[in-house]
Amino acid sequence: MTATSPVELALSRLQMALDRVESAIEQSLENQRQVTGLEGELQRLGTDRSRLAQSLDAAEERSGRIEEANREVSRRLVAAMESIRDVLARNQAA
C-alpha cells in the first residue's frame, strides 16, 4: 500500500475543483446559447405579432368599409322598392 503525500492529495483536490469549474463554465455557456436562441425566437414572435396585428387592422378596416357599403346598398334597395310600389300603386289607381 502506497501512502499518498499531502501534495498529491492537494493536487487531486485541485484537479477535482478545476473539473467542477470547467463543468460549470460549460453549463453556463450552454445556458447562454439557449437564452440567445430563446431571445431570437422571442424577437421573431414579436415581429410575427406585429405583422399579424397590422394584417388584422387592415382586415377590420376593410370589414368596416364592406359593412358600410352593405348598409348603403340596403338603403338604396329599400328606396328602389318603395319607388316601384309607388309606381305600381299609381298605375293601379289610374
C-alpha atoms as a PDB file:
ATOM      1  CA  MET A   1       0.000   0.000   0.000  1.00  0.00           C
ATOM      2  CA  THR A   2       1.429   3.330  -1.003  1.00  0.00           C
ATOM      3  CA  ALA A   3       0.893   6.376   1.101  1.00  0.00           C
ATOM      4  CA  THR A   4      -0.394   9.430  -0.690  1.00  0.00           C
ATOM      5  CA  SER A   5       1.546  12.561   0.025  1.00  0.00           C
ATOM      6  CA  PRO A   6      -0.177  15.780   1.064  1.00  0.00           C
ATOM      7  CA  VAL A   7       0.932  17.358  -2.200  1.00  0.00           C
ATOM      8  CA  GLU A   8      -0.706  14.582  -4.225  1.00  0.00           C
ATOM      9  CA  LEU A   9      -3.901  14.947  -2.175  1.00  0.00           C
ATOM     10  CA  ALA A  10      -3.866  18.698  -2.759  1.00  0.00           C
ATOM     11  CA  LEU A  11      -3.290  18.215  -6.495  1.00  0.00           C
ATOM     12  CA  SER A  12      -6.129  15.703  -6.635  1.00  0.00           C
ATOM     13  CA  ARG A  13      -8.477  18.107  -4.868  1.00  0.00           C
ATOM     14  CA  LEU A  14      -7.325  20.921  -7.142  1.00  0.00           C
ATOM     15  CA  GLN A  15      -7.999  18.781 -10.230  1.00  0.00           C
ATOM     16  CA  MET A  16     -11.484  17.915  -8.947  1.00  0.00           C
ATOM     17  CA  ALA A  17     -12.166  21.604  -8.290  1.00  0.00           C
ATOM     18  CA  LEU A  18     -10.944  22.535 -11.776  1.00  0.00           C
ATOM     19  CA  ASP A  19     -13.156  19.819 -13.284  1.00  0.00           C
ATOM     20  CA  ARG A  20     -16.161  21.242 -11.427  1.00  0.00           C
ATOM     21  CA  VAL A  21     -15.290  24.790 -12.588  1.00  0.00           C
ATOM     22  CA  GLU A  22     -14.939  23.569 -16.177  1.00  0.00           C
ATOM     23  CA  SER A  23     -18.261  21.747 -15.945  1.00  0.00           C
ATOM     24  CA  ALA A  24     -19.923  24.860 -14.514  1.00  0.00           C
ATOM     25  CA  ILE A  25     -18.487  27.005 -17.316  1.00  0.00           C
ATOM     26  CA  GLU A  26     -19.709  24.551 -19.967  1.00  0.00           C
ATOM     27  CA  GLN A  27     -23.172  24.534 -18.388  1.00  0.00           C
ATOM     28  CA  SER A  28     -23.171  28.330 -18.254  1.00  0.00           C
ATOM     29  CA  LEU A  29     -22.203  28.545 -21.933  1.00  0.00           C
ATOM     30  CA  GLU A  30     -24.940  26.076 -22.868  1.00  0.00           C
ATOM     31  CA  ASN A  31     -27.451  28.094 -20.860  1.00  0.00           C
ATOM     32  CA  GLN A  32     -26.312  31.264 -22.632  1.00  0.00           C
ATOM     33  CA  ARG A  33     -26.748  29.581 -26.031  1.00  0.00           C
ATOM     34  CA  GLN A  34     -30.255  28.551 -25.030  1.00  0.00           C
ATOM     35  CA  VAL A  35     -31.046  32.075 -23.814  1.00  0.00           C
ATOM     36  CA  THR A  36     -29.716  33.518 -27.079  1.00  0.00           C
ATOM     37  CA  GLY A  37     -31.872  31.081 -29.046  1.00  0.00           C
ATOM     38  CA  LEU A  38     -34.920  31.950 -26.969  1.00  0.00           C
ATOM     39  CA  GLU A  39     -34.268  35.673 -27.367  1.00  0.00           C
ATOM     40  CA  GLY A  40     -34.115  35.198 -31.143  1.00  0.00           C
ATOM     41  CA  GLU A  41     -37.350  33.213 -31.085  1.00  0.00           C
ATOM     42  CA  LEU A  42     -38.968  35.899 -28.945  1.00  0.00           C
ATOM     43  CA  GLN A  43     -37.883  38.562 -31.421  1.00  0.00           C
ATOM     44  CA  ARG A  44     -39.323  36.520 -34.324  1.00  0.00           C
ATOM     45  CA  LEU A  45     -42.572  36.076 -32.409  1.00  0.00           C
ATOM     46  CA  GLY A  46     -42.726  39.820 -31.774  1.00  0.00           C
ATOM     47  CA  THR A  47     -42.181  40.501 -35.468  1.00  0.00           C
ATOM     48  CA  ASP A  48     -44.891  37.991 -36.394  1.00  0.00           C
ATOM     49  CA  ARG A  49     -47.243  39.500 -33.833  1.00  0.00           C
ATOM     50  CA  SER A  50     -46.658  42.976 -35.240  1.00  0.00           C
ATOM     51  CA  ARG A  51     -47.267  41.767 -38.794  1.00  0.00           C
ATOM     52  CA  LEU A  52     -50.425  39.917 -37.736  1.00  0.00           C
ATOM     53  CA  ALA A  53     -51.676  42.976 -35.844  1.00  0.00           C
ATOM     54  CA  GLN A  54     -51.219  45.115 -38.953  1.00  0.00           C
ATOM     55  CA  SER A  55     -52.990  42.498 -41.041  1.00  0.00           C
ATOM     56  CA  LEU A  56     -55.849  42.351 -38.542  1.00  0.00           C
ATOM     57  CA  ASP A  57     -56.158  46.148 -38.524  1.00  0.00           C
ATOM     58  CA  ALA A  58     -56.340  46.162 -42.324  1.00  0.00           C
ATOM     59  CA  ALA A  59     -58.943  43.373 -42.303  1.00  0.00           C
ATOM     60  CA  GLU A  60     -61.040  45.212 -39.711  1.00  0.00           C
ATOM     61  CA  GLU A  61     -60.860  48.388 -41.776  1.00  0.00           C
ATOM     62  CA  ARG A  62     -61.903  46.501 -44.899  1.00  0.00           C
ATOM     63  CA  SER A  63     -64.712  44.808 -42.973  1.00  0.00           C
ATOM     64  CA  GLY A  64     -65.953  48.223 -41.822  1.00  0.00           C
ATOM     65  CA  ARG A  65     -65.960  49.514 -45.403  1.00  0.00           C
ATOM     66  CA  ILE A  66     -67.847  46.420 -46.567  1.00  0.00           C
ATOM     67  CA  GLU A  67     -70.422  46.856 -43.793  1.00  0.00           C
ATOM     68  CA  GLU A  68     -70.894  50.498 -44.765  1.00  0.00           C
ATOM     69  CA  ALA A  69     -71.287  49.538 -48.434  1.00  0.00           C
ATOM     70  CA  ASN A  70     -73.782  46.848 -47.416  1.00  0.00           C
ATOM     71  CA  ARG A  71     -75.856  49.393 -45.467  1.00  0.00           C
ATOM     72  CA  GLU A  72     -75.779  51.771 -48.460  1.00  0.00           C
ATOM     73  CA  VAL A  73     -76.877  49.016 -50.861  1.00  0.00           C
ATOM     74  CA  SER A  74     -79.644  48.007 -48.458  1.00  0.00           C
ATOM     75  CA  ARG A  75     -80.809  51.629 -48.168  1.00  0.00           C
ATOM     76  CA  ARG A  76     -80.868  52.000 -51.953  1.00  0.00           C
ATOM     77  CA  LEU A  77     -82.766  48.730 -52.390  1.00  0.00           C
ATOM     78  CA  VAL A  78     -85.391  49.860 -49.904  1.00  0.00           C
ATOM     79  CA  ALA A  79     -85.694  53.196 -51.732  1.00  0.00           C
ATOM     80  CA  ALA A  80     -85.992  51.404 -55.092  1.00  0.00           C
ATOM     81  CA  MET A  81     -88.667  49.054 -53.747  1.00  0.00           C
ATOM     82  CA  GLU A  82     -90.639  51.980 -52.360  1.00  0.00           C
ATOM     83  CA  SER A  83     -90.409  53.740 -55.716  1.00  0.00           C
ATOM     84  CA  ILE A  84     -91.622  50.612 -57.510  1.00  0.00           C
ATOM     85  CA  ARG A  85     -94.523  50.253 -55.048  1.00  0.00           C
ATOM     86  CA  ASP A  86     -95.461  53.900 -55.615  1.00  0.00           C
ATOM     87  CA  VAL A  87     -95.387  53.433 -59.404  1.00  0.00           C
ATOM     88  CA  LEU A  88     -97.447  50.246 -59.172  1.00  0.00           C
ATOM     89  CA  ALA A  89     -99.940  51.891 -56.816  1.00  0.00           C
ATOM     90  CA  ARG A  90    -100.320  54.860 -59.181  1.00  0.00           C
ATOM     91  CA  ASN A  91    -100.822  52.556 -62.177  1.00  0.00           C
ATOM     92  CA  GLN A  92    -103.423  50.516 -60.343  1.00  0.00           C
ATOM     93  CA  ALA A  93    -105.277  53.657 -59.271  1.00  0.00           C
ATOM     94  CA  ALA A  94    -105.324  55.007 -62.813  1.00  0.00           C
END
